[in-house]
């Protein structure tokens, strides 16, 4: 085959791959955080991108990329393996890996059916009733023990005690670590106040 023919084949294969990625991205659920961007130490790549959708495609082409921050018209696209779905961090509702930045949009791929939340409260300060309402305020419902176990089966790991729909509280982990008990099931506590696990509808 002439060299020109090889170039056409290569181009067609590349375009088909991009089209498949774009099609897959349309079915991927994302969580948006407006006016927030990734902290510098969380970024593994900083590239130029024409749009947020292109930025997300670049992220999908990177094996470890979960989160992308984009700003227009500067065309900045920041890529990261940091998961911003859980809202616990430096303050209520603010993941510790993000910083306020006007004009930025940060999108994170949703990988698990639950997320851990502090919401408007400080850590470990919610009653069960407040926890239920916090999930409602997010447009979700409080997660059940089976929801949390399903998330663990998909790789979810969160060593933070949160309320569940049956009035119990606990957490699930994938491995043992300092300050975290290990079990292949839910590690239950009997706390009067805790954070909460919400179910993504």
Protein backbone atom coordinates (compact mmCIF):
# COMPACT_ATOMS: atom_id res chain seq x y z
CA UNK A 1 0.00 0.00 0.00
CA UNK A 2 1.39 3.47 -0.88
CA UNK A 3 2.42 5.76 1.99
CA UNK A 4 -0.55 8.03 1.25
CA UNK A 5 -2.89 5.06 1.67
CA UNK A 6 -1.40 4.23 5.07
CA UNK A 7 -1.93 7.83 6.18
CA UNK A 8 -5.62 7.67 5.18
CA UNK A 9 -6.11 4.41 7.09
CA UNK A 10 -4.35 5.84 10.16
CA UNK A 11 -6.47 9.00 9.99
CA UNK A 12 -9.70 6.99 9.69
CA UNK A 13 -8.77 4.79 12.65
CA UNK A 14 -7.94 7.86 14.74
CA UNK A 15 -11.22 9.58 13.85
CA UNK A 16 -13.20 6.39 14.61
CA UNK A 17 -11.53 6.17 18.02
CA UNK A 18 -12.39 9.79 18.80
CA UNK A 19 -16.00 9.24 17.68
CA UNK A 20 -16.28 6.18 19.95
CA UNK A 21 -14.91 8.18 22.88
CA UNK A 22 -17.33 11.05 22.20
CA UNK A 23 -20.23 8.61 22.04
CA UNK A 24 -19.14 6.98 25.30
CA UNK A 25 -18.73 10.39 26.98
CA UNK A 26 -22.34 11.26 26.22
CA UNK A 27 -23.42 8.33 28.41
CA UNK A 28 -21.03 9.12 31.27
CA UNK A 29 -22.59 10.92 34.22
CA UNK A 30 -20.64 13.92 35.45
CA UNK A 31 -20.91 16.19 38.48
CA UNK A 32 -20.29 19.88 37.78
CA UNK A 33 -18.87 22.43 40.18
CA UNK A 34 -19.14 25.98 38.85
CA UNK A 35 -16.50 28.60 39.80
CA UNK A 36 -14.13 26.01 41.21
CA UNK A 37 -10.94 24.59 39.77
CA UNK A 38 -8.42 21.94 40.72
CA UNK A 39 -5.58 22.93 43.04
CA UNK A 40 -2.19 22.92 41.33
CA UNK A 41 -0.90 19.98 43.35
CA UNK A 42 -3.83 17.85 42.14
CA UNK A 43 -3.17 18.45 38.41
CA UNK A 44 -1.19 15.94 36.36
CA UNK A 45 -1.62 17.66 32.99
CA UNK A 46 -2.33 21.23 31.83
CA UNK A 47 -3.32 21.51 28.17
CA UNK A 48 -5.11 23.83 25.76
CA UNK A 49 -8.66 22.92 24.76
CA UNK A 50 -11.24 24.66 22.56
CA UNK A 51 -14.21 23.79 24.77
CA UNK A 52 -15.32 22.01 27.93
CA UNK A 53 -16.50 19.02 25.87
CA UNK A 54 -13.06 18.73 24.24
CA UNK A 55 -11.45 18.98 27.67
CA UNK A 56 -13.61 16.09 28.89
CA UNK A 57 -12.64 14.03 25.82
CA UNK A 58 -8.96 14.62 26.61
CA UNK A 59 -9.67 13.45 30.16
CA UNK A 60 -11.41 10.30 28.92
CA UNK A 61 -8.35 9.44 26.81
CA UNK A 62 -6.13 9.46 29.91
CA UNK A 63 -6.31 6.22 31.89
CA UNK A 64 -6.13 7.87 35.33
CA UNK A 65 -8.18 11.00 34.63
CA UNK A 66 -11.39 11.41 36.64
CA UNK A 67 -11.73 15.20 36.90
CA UNK A 68 -11.22 18.06 34.46
CA UNK A 69 -11.28 21.83 35.09
CA UNK A 70 -11.87 24.20 32.18
CA UNK A 71 -11.94 27.96 31.68
CA UNK A 72 -12.99 29.84 28.56
CA UNK A 73 -11.86 31.90 26.65
CA UNK A 74 -8.39 31.15 28.07
CA UNK A 75 -8.86 27.55 26.85
CA UNK A 76 -7.18 26.12 29.95
CA UNK A 77 -7.87 22.42 30.61
CA UNK A 78 -6.58 20.84 33.81
CA UNK A 79 -6.66 17.06 34.20
CA UNK A 80 -6.57 15.10 37.45
CA UNK A 81 -7.09 11.69 39.04
CA UNK A 82 -8.71 13.42 42.05
CA UNK A 83 -12.34 12.53 42.76
CA UNK A 84 -14.40 15.58 43.82
CA UNK A 85 -17.75 13.79 44.28
CA UNK A 86 -17.40 13.50 48.05
CA UNK A 87 -17.82 16.98 49.50
CA UNK A 88 -15.80 16.55 52.69
CA UNK A 89 -12.67 18.66 52.86
CA UNK A 90 -11.49 22.09 53.94
CA UNK A 91 -15.03 23.31 54.60
CA UNK A 92 -18.69 22.31 54.30
CA UNK A 93 -19.45 21.41 50.71
CA UNK A 94 -15.91 22.14 49.48
CA UNK A 95 -13.63 19.24 48.47
CA UNK A 96 -10.12 19.86 49.73
CA UNK A 97 -8.66 19.41 46.24
CA UNK A 98 -10.59 22.36 44.77
CA UNK A 99 -10.22 26.11 45.12
CA UNK A 100 -12.68 28.90 44.29
CA UNK A 101 -11.89 30.38 40.86
CA UNK A 102 -14.28 32.64 38.97
CA UNK A 103 -15.14 31.48 35.47
CA UNK A 104 -13.91 27.91 35.87
CA UNK A 105 -15.99 24.74 35.60
CA UNK A 106 -14.88 21.44 37.11
CA UNK A 107 -16.43 18.17 35.99
CA UNK A 108 -15.94 14.83 37.73
CA UNK A 109 -16.97 11.45 36.38
CA UNK A 110 -19.44 9.71 38.69
CA UNK A 111 -18.09 6.23 39.45
CA UNK A 112 -20.10 5.11 42.48
CA UNK A 113 -23.81 5.11 43.44
CA UNK A 114 -23.17 6.98 46.70
CA UNK A 115 -21.17 9.94 47.93
CA UNK A 116 -20.06 11.11 51.33
CA UNK A 117 -21.25 14.55 52.45
CA UNK A 118 -20.70 17.10 55.19
CA UNK A 119 -22.91 19.69 53.51
CA UNK A 120 -23.64 22.87 55.44
CA UNK A 121 -22.35 21.35 58.68
CA UNK A 122 -18.95 20.80 60.22
CA UNK A 123 -17.61 17.25 60.28
CA UNK A 124 -19.43 14.73 62.49
CA UNK A 125 -22.11 17.18 63.63
CA UNK A 126 -25.33 15.97 61.93
CA UNK A 127 -28.17 14.20 63.66
CA UNK A 128 -29.95 11.50 61.65
CA UNK A 129 -32.80 13.89 60.77
CA UNK A 130 -30.35 16.57 59.61
CA UNK A 131 -28.51 13.98 57.54
CA UNK A 132 -31.70 12.95 55.79
CA UNK A 133 -32.49 16.57 54.97
CA UNK A 134 -28.94 17.24 53.76
CA UNK A 135 -29.32 14.57 51.09
CA UNK A 136 -32.70 16.02 50.08
CA UNK A 137 -31.01 19.44 49.76
CA UNK A 138 -28.56 17.85 47.32
CA UNK A 139 -31.47 16.52 45.27
CA UNK A 140 -30.70 12.96 46.40
CA UNK A 141 -31.80 10.53 49.10
CA UNK A 142 -29.92 9.08 52.03
CA UNK A 143 -28.12 5.86 51.07
CA UNK A 144 -29.11 2.47 52.44
CA UNK A 145 -26.60 -0.09 53.77
CA UNK A 146 -27.03 -2.07 50.53
CA UNK A 147 -26.23 1.08 48.49
CA UNK A 148 -23.01 1.54 50.45
CA UNK A 149 -22.07 -2.12 50.00
CA UNK A 150 -22.73 -1.87 46.27
CA UNK A 151 -20.40 1.13 46.13
CA UNK A 152 -17.72 -0.85 47.97
CA UNK A 153 -18.04 -3.68 45.44
CA UNK A 154 -17.20 -1.10 42.75
CA UNK A 155 -14.11 0.07 44.62
CA UNK A 156 -15.47 2.84 46.87
CA UNK A 157 -13.31 3.61 49.91
CA UNK A 158 -14.19 6.23 52.54
CA UNK A 159 -12.89 6.04 56.09
CA UNK A 160 -15.47 8.51 57.42
CA UNK A 161 -18.54 7.66 59.51
CA UNK A 162 -21.80 8.57 57.81
CA UNK A 163 -25.52 8.07 58.45
CA UNK A 164 -27.48 5.48 56.47
CA UNK A 165 -31.20 5.21 55.77
CA UNK A 166 -31.88 2.68 58.54
CA UNK A 167 -30.59 5.05 61.22
CA UNK A 168 -27.21 3.34 61.58
CA UNK A 169 -23.86 4.94 60.77
CA UNK A 170 -20.57 3.57 59.55
CA UNK A 171 -18.25 3.35 56.55
CA UNK A 172 -16.66 0.96 54.04
CA UNK A 173 -13.01 0.63 53.06
CA UNK A 174 -10.95 -1.35 50.58
CA UNK A 175 -7.84 -1.73 52.75
CA UNK A 176 -6.66 -1.17 56.32
CA UNK A 177 -4.98 2.11 57.23
CA UNK A 178 -4.03 4.07 60.33
CA UNK A 179 -7.18 5.06 62.19
CA UNK A 180 -9.42 2.91 59.98
CA UNK A 181 -10.72 -0.50 60.92
CA UNK A 182 -10.98 -3.02 58.08
CA UNK A 183 -13.84 -5.29 57.09
CA UNK A 184 -15.31 -6.57 53.85
CA UNK A 185 -18.69 -5.36 55.12
CA UNK A 186 -19.85 -2.08 56.67
CA UNK A 187 -17.96 -1.02 59.78
CA UNK A 188 -20.71 0.22 62.07
CA UNK A 189 -20.52 2.83 64.81
CA UNK A 190 -23.07 3.99 67.33
CA UNK A 191 -22.45 7.72 67.03
CA UNK A 192 -25.10 10.26 68.00
CA UNK A 193 -23.76 12.57 65.27
CA UNK A 194 -22.02 11.79 62.01
CA UNK A 195 -21.67 12.81 58.37
CA UNK A 196 -23.95 11.22 55.76
CA UNK A 197 -23.89 8.98 52.69
CA UNK A 198 -26.27 10.11 49.95
CA UNK A 199 -27.46 8.01 47.04
CA UNK A 200 -27.09 9.40 43.53
CA UNK A 201 -30.47 9.01 41.84
